[in-house]
Amino acid sequence: MSPEIIRLIFSSTLDTLYMVALALSFGTIVGLPLGIFLATGGEDELLAFPAGKAVLGIIANATRSTPFIILVVAIIPFTRLVAGTSIGTTAAVVPLTIAAIPFIARLIEAAIREVDFGLVEAARAMGATPLQIVRKVLIPEALPGIVLGLTLAAVNLIGFSAIVGVVGGGGLGDLGIRYGYQRFMPDVMAIVVIVLIVLVQGVQSFGDRLSRRLNKRLRHSS
């Protein structure tokens, strides 16, 4: 394999990490509060606003139901508006983030719902405000589940980042298509797949380890 191909694989790996890191960060910034609201916005719940929760749930489900490749194409005008172009790694961050937000919101919702409701009631009895309960009870107690959810989101984003290569999104997917498929270089395709597997394995192992470290019950039992 030529030094030029090795350099391309290295730079494409960095591009993939860049896209995933930004999309995961932006997706978490928006998805975290949305997920908390989805978990606590029902009738008689902590942040009760059933109508808003219902609308948000429909939007989240509709976005998640849209195949990612169709989403990428459908929001090209919005991508141009935000990134100034629809091609390249920075432009690819836009559809990746749009896809990540509802997914992360649902994962956060599931993690928050795992928290013992008795802790919320106890905090209420002590006079804590809803925001104090969210900040001091729900998020700390759900943190191991949130970390696992974000790990799953990161793994999904690695897969999505390869898909955006089909429409010139850059990264390992773009390299695999341009060189592995269009130029008939199966060795490049094989290395791209191996690098993606290594990335997914590394992210999953890190997330599992961090979640176990944050889990109070596991810490106390060890």
C-alpha atoms as a PDB file:
ATOM      1  CA  MET A   1       0.000   0.000   0.000  1.00  0.00           C
ATOM      2  CA  SER A   2       1.401   3.369  -1.048  1.00  0.00           C
ATOM      3  CA  PRO A   3       2.290   6.141   1.427  1.00  0.00           C
ATOM      4  CA  GLU A   4      -0.361   8.295  -0.260  1.00  0.00           C
ATOM      5  CA  ILE A   5      -3.120   5.784   0.579  1.00  0.00           C
ATOM      6  CA  ILE A   6      -1.851   5.474   4.163  1.00  0.00           C
ATOM      7  CA  ARG A   7      -1.952   9.260   4.471  1.00  0.00           C
ATOM      8  CA  LEU A   8      -5.515   9.307   3.083  1.00  0.00           C
ATOM      9  CA  ILE A   9      -6.642   6.646   5.569  1.00  0.00           C
ATOM     10  CA  PHE A  10      -5.126   8.622   8.446  1.00  0.00           C
ATOM     11  CA  SER A  11      -6.687  11.944   7.381  1.00  0.00           C
ATOM     12  CA  SER A  12     -10.065  10.268   6.694  1.00  0.00           C
ATOM     13  CA  THR A  13     -10.003   8.724  10.174  1.00  0.00           C
ATOM     14  CA  LEU A  14      -9.418  12.171  11.665  1.00  0.00           C
ATOM     15  CA  ASP A  15     -12.291  13.541   9.555  1.00  0.00           C
ATOM     16  CA  THR A  16     -14.592  10.813  10.857  1.00  0.00           C
ATOM     17  CA  LEU A  17     -13.615  11.542  14.464  1.00  0.00           C
ATOM     18  CA  TYR A  18     -14.163  15.253  13.831  1.00  0.00           C
ATOM     19  CA  MET A  19     -17.677  14.698  12.448  1.00  0.00           C
ATOM     20  CA  VAL A  20     -18.692  12.277  15.202  1.00  0.00           C
ATOM     21  CA  ALA A  21     -17.285  14.424  18.030  1.00  0.00           C
ATOM     22  CA  LEU A  22     -19.035  17.587  16.853  1.00  0.00           C
ATOM     23  CA  ALA A  23     -22.342  15.883  16.080  1.00  0.00           C
ATOM     24  CA  LEU A  24     -22.308  14.072  19.433  1.00  0.00           C
ATOM     25  CA  SER A  25     -21.512  17.317  21.289  1.00  0.00           C
ATOM     26  CA  PHE A  26     -24.203  19.382  19.561  1.00  0.00           C
ATOM     27  CA  GLY A  27     -26.652  16.504  19.760  1.00  0.00           C
ATOM     28  CA  THR A  28     -26.083  16.161  23.509  1.00  0.00           C
ATOM     29  CA  ILE A  29     -26.408  19.900  24.135  1.00  0.00           C
ATOM     30  CA  VAL A  30     -29.851  19.891  22.519  1.00  0.00           C
ATOM     31  CA  GLY A  31     -30.900  16.294  23.202  1.00  0.00           C
ATOM     32  CA  LEU A  32     -30.186  16.271  26.950  1.00  0.00           C
ATOM     33  CA  PRO A  33     -32.797  18.880  27.958  1.00  0.00           C
ATOM     34  CA  LEU A  34     -35.255  17.467  25.444  1.00  0.00           C
ATOM     35  CA  GLY A  35     -34.817  13.984  26.904  1.00  0.00           C
ATOM     36  CA  ILE A  36     -35.295  15.257  30.444  1.00  0.00           C
ATOM     37  CA  PHE A  37     -38.480  17.009  29.372  1.00  0.00           C
ATOM     38  CA  LEU A  38     -39.764  13.891  27.598  1.00  0.00           C
ATOM     39  CA  ALA A  39     -39.240  11.950  30.837  1.00  0.00           C
ATOM     40  CA  THR A  40     -40.790  14.523  33.163  1.00  0.00           C
ATOM     41  CA  GLY A  41     -43.230  16.535  31.046  1.00  0.00           C
ATOM     42  CA  GLY A  42     -46.269  14.251  31.317  1.00  0.00           C
ATOM     43  CA  GLU A  43     -49.413  14.937  33.292  1.00  0.00           C
ATOM     44  CA  ASP A  44     -48.767  15.170  37.075  1.00  0.00           C
ATOM     45  CA  GLU A  45     -45.021  14.754  36.459  1.00  0.00           C
ATOM     46  CA  LEU A  46     -42.186  17.004  37.565  1.00  0.00           C
ATOM     47  CA  LEU A  47     -42.222  19.439  34.605  1.00  0.00           C
ATOM     48  CA  ALA A  48     -45.837  18.806  33.630  1.00  0.00           C
ATOM     49  CA  PHE A  49     -46.649  20.125  30.131  1.00  0.00           C
ATOM     50  CA  PRO A  50     -48.437  17.226  28.406  1.00  0.00           C
ATOM     51  CA  ALA A  51     -49.229  19.108  25.188  1.00  0.00           C
ATOM     52  CA  GLY A  52     -45.621  20.177  24.699  1.00  0.00           C
ATOM     53  CA  LYS A  53     -44.403  16.679  25.470  1.00  0.00           C
ATOM     54  CA  ALA A  54     -46.834  15.176  22.938  1.00  0.00           C
ATOM     55  CA  VAL A  55     -45.696  17.549  20.179  1.00  0.00           C
ATOM     56  CA  LEU A  56     -42.043  16.970  20.992  1.00  0.00           C
ATOM     57  CA  GLY A  57     -42.574  13.216  21.001  1.00  0.00           C
ATOM     58  CA  ILE A  58     -44.181  13.324  17.554  1.00  0.00           C
ATOM     59  CA  ILE A  59     -41.317  15.411  16.146  1.00  0.00           C
ATOM     60  CA  ALA A  60     -38.722  13.084  17.676  1.00  0.00           C
ATOM     61  CA  ASN A  61     -40.465   9.993  16.291  1.00  0.00           C
ATOM     62  CA  ALA A  62     -40.865  11.544  12.834  1.00  0.00           C
ATOM     63  CA  THR A  63     -37.178  12.473  12.661  1.00  0.00           C
ATOM     64  CA  ARG A  64     -36.075   9.056  13.857  1.00  0.00           C
ATOM     65  CA  SER A  65     -38.385   7.362  11.355  1.00  0.00           C
ATOM     66  CA  THR A  66     -36.785   9.142   8.401  1.00  0.00           C
ATOM     67  CA  PRO A  67     -34.016   7.061   6.790  1.00  0.00           C
ATOM     68  CA  PHE A  68     -30.722   8.842   7.338  1.00  0.00           C
ATOM     69  CA  ILE A  69     -29.725   9.022   3.663  1.00  0.00           C
ATOM     70  CA  ILE A  70     -33.086  10.666   2.839  1.00  0.00           C
ATOM     71  CA  LEU A  71     -32.643  13.083   5.732  1.00  0.00           C
ATOM     72  CA  VAL A  72     -29.207  14.068   4.399  1.00  0.00           C
ATOM     73  CA  VAL A  73     -30.655  14.908   0.977  1.00  0.00           C
ATOM     74  CA  ALA A  74     -33.860  16.516   2.273  1.00  0.00           C
ATOM     75  CA  ILE A  75     -32.080  19.095   4.448  1.00  0.00           C
ATOM     76  CA  ILE A  76     -29.422  20.126   1.901  1.00  0.00           C
ATOM     77  CA  PRO A  77     -30.790  23.721   1.768  1.00  0.00           C
ATOM     78  CA  PHE A  78     -30.617  23.921   5.572  1.00  0.00           C
ATOM     79  CA  THR A  79     -27.115  22.436   5.530  1.00  0.00           C
ATOM     80  CA  ARG A  80     -26.013  25.104   3.017  1.00  0.00           C
ATOM     81  CA  LEU A  81     -27.577  27.791   5.195  1.00  0.00           C
ATOM     82  CA  VAL A  82     -25.710  26.621   8.310  1.00  0.00           C
ATOM     83  CA  ALA A  83     -22.376  25.432   6.893  1.00  0.00           C
ATOM     84  CA  GLY A  84     -22.196  27.453   3.654  1.00  0.00           C
ATOM     85  CA  THR A  85     -21.860  24.249   1.618  1.00  0.00           C
ATOM     86  CA  SER A  86     -23.461  20.825   1.384  1.00  0.00           C
ATOM     87  CA  ILE A  87     -20.210  18.933   0.690  1.00  0.00           C
ATOM     88  CA  GLY A  88     -17.373  18.105   3.047  1.00  0.00           C
ATOM     89  CA  THR A  89     -16.876  17.096   6.644  1.00  0.00           C
ATOM     90  CA  THR A  90     -18.160  20.310   8.236  1.00  0.00           C
ATOM     91  CA  ALA A  91     -21.338  20.185   6.136  1.00  0.00           C
ATOM     92  CA  ALA A  92     -21.833  16.544   7.135  1.00  0.00           C
ATOM     93  CA  VAL A  93     -21.970  17.561  10.793  1.00  0.00           C
ATOM     94  CA  VAL A  94     -25.357  19.234  10.187  1.00  0.00           C
ATOM     95  CA  PRO A  95     -27.381  16.126   9.155  1.00  0.00           C
ATOM     96  CA  LEU A  96     -25.462  14.023  11.671  1.00  0.00           C
ATOM     97  CA  THR A  97     -26.500  16.420  14.438  1.00  0.00           C
ATOM     98  CA  ILE A  98     -30.115  16.554  13.244  1.00  0.00           C
ATOM     99  CA  ALA A  99     -30.223  12.744  13.310  1.00  0.00           C
ATOM    100  CA  ALA A 100     -28.491  12.560  16.696  1.00  0.00           C
ATOM    101  CA  ILE A 101     -30.754  14.971  18.607  1.00  0.00           C
ATOM    102  CA  PRO A 102     -33.984  12.889  18.750  1.00  0.00           C
ATOM    103  CA  PHE A 103     -32.013   9.668  19.215  1.00  0.00           C
ATOM    104  CA  ILE A 104     -30.091  11.084  22.157  1.00  0.00           C
ATOM    105  CA  ALA A 105     -33.271  12.630  23.582  1.00  0.00           C
ATOM    106  CA  ARG A 106     -34.978   9.228  23.645  1.00  0.00           C
ATOM    107  CA  LEU A 107     -31.912   7.594  25.232  1.00  0.00           C
ATOM    108  CA  ILE A 108     -31.791  10.299  27.920  1.00  0.00           C
ATOM    109  CA  GLU A 109     -35.529   9.857  28.511  1.00  0.00           C
ATOM    110  CA  ALA A 110     -35.054   6.124  29.055  1.00  0.00           C
ATOM    111  CA  ALA A 111     -32.137   6.707  31.455  1.00  0.00           C
ATOM    112  CA  ILE A 112     -34.094   9.279  33.481  1.00  0.00           C
ATOM    113  CA  ARG A 113     -37.081   6.943  33.773  1.00  0.00           C
ATOM    114  CA  GLU A 114     -34.833   4.334  35.379  1.00  0.00           C
ATOM    115  CA  VAL A 115     -34.296   6.608  38.416  1.00  0.00           C
ATOM    116  CA  ASP A 116     -36.144   5.500  41.551  1.00  0.00           C
ATOM    117  CA  PHE A 117     -39.307   7.635  41.776  1.00  0.00           C
ATOM    118  CA  GLY A 118     -38.999   7.564  45.586  1.00  0.00           C
ATOM    119  CA  LEU A 119     -35.905   9.780  45.351  1.00  0.00           C
ATOM    120  CA  VAL A 120     -37.910  12.407  43.467  1.00  0.00           C
ATOM    121  CA  GLU A 121     -40.699  12.256  46.017  1.00  0.00           C
ATOM    122  CA  ALA A 122     -38.208  12.584  48.870  1.00  0.00           C
ATOM    123  CA  ALA A 123     -36.628  15.625  47.242  1.00  0.00           C
ATOM    124  CA  ARG A 124     -40.063  17.158  46.729  1.00  0.00           C
ATOM    125  CA  ALA A 125     -40.920  16.558  50.388  1.00  0.00           C
ATOM    126  CA  MET A 126     -37.776  18.447  51.376  1.00  0.00           C
ATOM    127  CA  GLY A 127     -38.906  21.444  49.332  1.00  0.00           C
ATOM    128  CA  ALA A 128     -36.602  21.100  46.324  1.00  0.00           C
ATOM    129  CA  THR A 129     -37.705  22.908  43.168  1.00  0.00           C
ATOM    130  CA  PRO A 130     -38.201  20.959  39.916  1.00  0.00           C
ATOM    131  CA  LEU A 131     -34.939  22.292  38.479  1.00  0.00           C
ATOM    132  CA  GLN A 132     -33.077  21.379  41.682  1.00  0.00           C
ATOM    133  CA  ILE A 133     -34.509  17.862  41.474  1.00  0.00           C
ATOM    134  CA  VAL A 134     -33.403  17.558  37.855  1.00  0.00           C
ATOM    135  CA  ARG A 135     -29.912  18.882  38.573  1.00  0.00           C
ATOM    136  CA  LYS A 136     -29.227  17.196  41.931  1.00  0.00           C
ATOM    137  CA  VAL A 137     -31.277  13.996  41.759  1.00  0.00           C
ATOM    138  CA  LEU A 138     -32.271  12.917  38.257  1.00  0.00           C
ATOM    139  CA  ILE A 139     -29.079  13.656  36.312  1.00  0.00           C
ATOM    140  CA  PRO A 140     -26.621  12.292  38.933  1.00  0.00           C
ATOM    141  CA  GLU A 141     -28.688   9.136  39.479  1.00  0.00           C
ATOM    142  CA  ALA A 142     -29.168   8.550  35.750  1.00  0.00           C
ATOM    143  CA  LEU A 143     -25.569   9.344  34.830  1.00  0.00           C
ATOM    144  CA  PRO A 144     -24.394   5.737  34.222  1.00  0.00           C
ATOM    145  CA  GLY A 145     -27.384   5.161  31.925  1.00  0.00           C
ATOM    146  CA  ILE A 146     -26.815   8.490  30.201  1.00  0.00           C
ATOM    147  CA  VAL A 147     -23.180   7.554  29.528  1.00  0.00           C
ATOM    148  CA  LEU A 148     -24.259   4.222  28.045  1.00  0.00           C
ATOM    149  CA  GLY A 149     -26.830   6.028  25.914  1.00  0.00           C
ATOM    150  CA  LEU A 150     -24.287   8.512  24.622  1.00  0.00           C
ATOM    151  CA  THR A 151     -21.936   5.615  23.881  1.00  0.00           C
ATOM    152  CA  LEU A 152     -24.642   4.010  21.778  1.00  0.00           C
ATOM    153  CA  ALA A 153     -25.254   7.349  20.042  1.00  0.00           C
ATOM    154  CA  ALA A 154     -21.526   7.693  19.270  1.00  0.00           C
ATOM    155  CA  VAL A 155     -21.435   4.192  17.765  1.00  0.00           C
ATOM    156  CA  ASN A 156     -24.474   5.017  15.610  1.00  0.00           C
ATOM    157  CA  LEU A 157     -22.884   8.273  14.497  1.00  0.00           C
ATOM    158  CA  ILE A 158     -19.760   6.419  13.377  1.00  0.00           C
ATOM    159  CA  GLY A 159     -21.998   4.319  11.142  1.00  0.00           C
ATOM    160  CA  PHE A 160     -23.903   7.378   9.886  1.00  0.00           C
ATOM    161  CA  SER A 161     -20.629   9.212   9.202  1.00  0.00           C
ATOM    162  CA  ALA A 162     -19.733   6.428   6.769  1.00  0.00           C
ATOM    163  CA  ILE A 163     -23.094   6.836   5.024  1.00  0.00           C
ATOM    164  CA  VAL A 164     -22.581  10.570   4.386  1.00  0.00           C
ATOM    165  CA  GLY A 165     -19.580   9.540   2.282  1.00  0.00           C
ATOM    166  CA  VAL A 166     -22.130   8.573  -0.398  1.00  0.00           C
ATOM    167  CA  VAL A 167     -23.003  12.266  -0.870  1.00  0.00           C
ATOM    168  CA  GLY A 168     -19.475  13.659  -0.528  1.00  0.00           C
ATOM    169  CA  GLY A 169     -19.477  13.990   3.230  1.00  0.00           C
ATOM    170  CA  GLY A 170     -15.822  13.079   3.647  1.00  0.00           C
ATOM    171  CA  GLY A 171     -14.318  10.692   6.190  1.00  0.00           C
ATOM    172  CA  LEU A 172     -13.777   6.950   5.990  1.00  0.00           C
ATOM    173  CA  GLY A 173     -17.044   6.291   4.135  1.00  0.00           C
ATOM    174  CA  ASP A 174     -16.064   8.703   1.382  1.00  0.00           C
ATOM    175  CA  LEU A 175     -12.615   7.104   1.118  1.00  0.00           C
ATOM    176  CA  GLY A 176     -14.072   3.604   0.940  1.00  0.00           C
ATOM    177  CA  ILE A 177     -16.485   4.587  -1.831  1.00  0.00           C
ATOM    178  CA  ARG A 178     -14.076   6.649  -3.936  1.00  0.00           C
ATOM    179  CA  TYR A 179     -11.083   4.322  -3.713  1.00  0.00           C
ATOM    180  CA  GLY A 180     -12.415   0.962  -2.549  1.00  0.00           C
ATOM    181  CA  TYR A 181     -15.520   0.854  -4.779  1.00  0.00           C
ATOM    182  CA  GLN A 182     -15.114   3.302  -7.674  1.00  0.00           C
ATOM    183  CA  ARG A 183     -11.378   2.612  -8.225  1.00  0.00           C
ATOM    184  CA  PHE A 184     -11.638  -1.132  -7.504  1.00  0.00           C
ATOM    185  CA  MET A 185      -9.212  -1.147  -4.581  1.00  0.00           C
ATOM    186  CA  PRO A 186     -10.581  -3.840  -2.233  1.00  0.00           C
ATOM    187  CA  ASP A 187      -7.598  -3.504   0.117  1.00  0.00           C
ATOM    188  CA  VAL A 188      -8.607   0.113   0.834  1.00  0.00           C
ATOM    189  CA  MET A 189     -12.201  -0.947   1.424  1.00  0.00           C
ATOM    190  CA  ALA A 190     -11.038  -3.686   3.814  1.00  0.00           C
ATOM    191  CA  ILE A 191      -8.858  -1.268   5.808  1.00  0.00           C
ATOM    192  CA  VAL A 192     -11.702   1.256   6.022  1.00  0.00           C
ATOM    193  CA  VAL A 193     -13.980  -1.438   7.476  1.00  0.00           C
ATOM    194  CA  ILE A 194     -11.278  -2.539   9.938  1.00  0.00           C
ATOM    195  CA  VAL A 195     -10.684   1.044  11.106  1.00  0.00           C
ATOM    196  CA  LEU A 196     -14.433   1.554  11.597  1.00  0.00           C
ATOM    197  CA  ILE A 197     -14.635  -1.666  13.636  1.00  0.00           C
ATOM    198  CA  VAL A 198     -11.693  -0.556  15.790  1.00  0.00           C
ATOM    199  CA  LEU A 199     -13.316   2.856  16.362  1.00  0.00           C
ATOM    200  CA  VAL A 200     -16.631   1.298  17.382  1.00  0.00           C
ATOM    201  CA  GLN A 201     -14.908  -1.193  19.678  1.00  0.00           C
ATOM    202  CA  GLY A 202     -12.825   1.544  21.301  1.00  0.00           C
ATOM    203  CA  VAL A 203     -15.812   3.829  21.879  1.00  0.00           C
ATOM    204  CA  GLN A 204     -17.952   1.006  23.273  1.00  0.00           C
ATOM    205  CA  SER A 205     -15.219  -0.207  25.645  1.00  0.00           C
ATOM    206  CA  PHE A 206     -14.556   3.316  26.912  1.00  0.00           C
ATOM    207  CA  GLY A 207     -18.270   3.988  27.456  1.00  0.00           C
ATOM    208  CA  ASP A 208     -18.825   0.681  29.284  1.00  0.00           C
ATOM    209  CA  ARG A 209     -15.852   1.306  31.559  1.00  0.00           C
ATOM    210  CA  LEU A 210     -16.891   4.890  32.335  1.00  0.00           C
ATOM    211  CA  SER A 211     -20.472   3.834  33.053  1.00  0.00           C
ATOM    212  CA  ARG A 212     -19.330   1.127  35.487  1.00  0.00           C
ATOM    213  CA  ARG A 213     -17.099   3.650  37.250  1.00  0.00           C
ATOM    214  CA  LEU A 214     -20.023   6.070  37.667  1.00  0.00           C
ATOM    215  CA  ASN A 215     -22.463   3.417  38.879  1.00  0.00           C
ATOM    216  CA  LYS A 216     -22.738   3.824  42.648  1.00  0.00           C
ATOM    217  CA  ARG A 217     -24.278   0.382  43.178  1.00  0.00           C
ATOM    218  CA  LEU A 218     -21.373  -1.353  41.423  1.00  0.00           C
ATOM    219  CA  ARG A 219     -18.851   0.795  43.299  1.00  0.00           C
ATOM    220  CA  HIS A 220     -20.393  -0.084  46.661  1.00  0.00           C
ATOM    221  CA  SER A 221     -20.636  -3.799  45.877  1.00  0.00           C
ATOM    222  CA  SER A 222     -16.980  -4.071  44.798  1.00  0.00           C
END
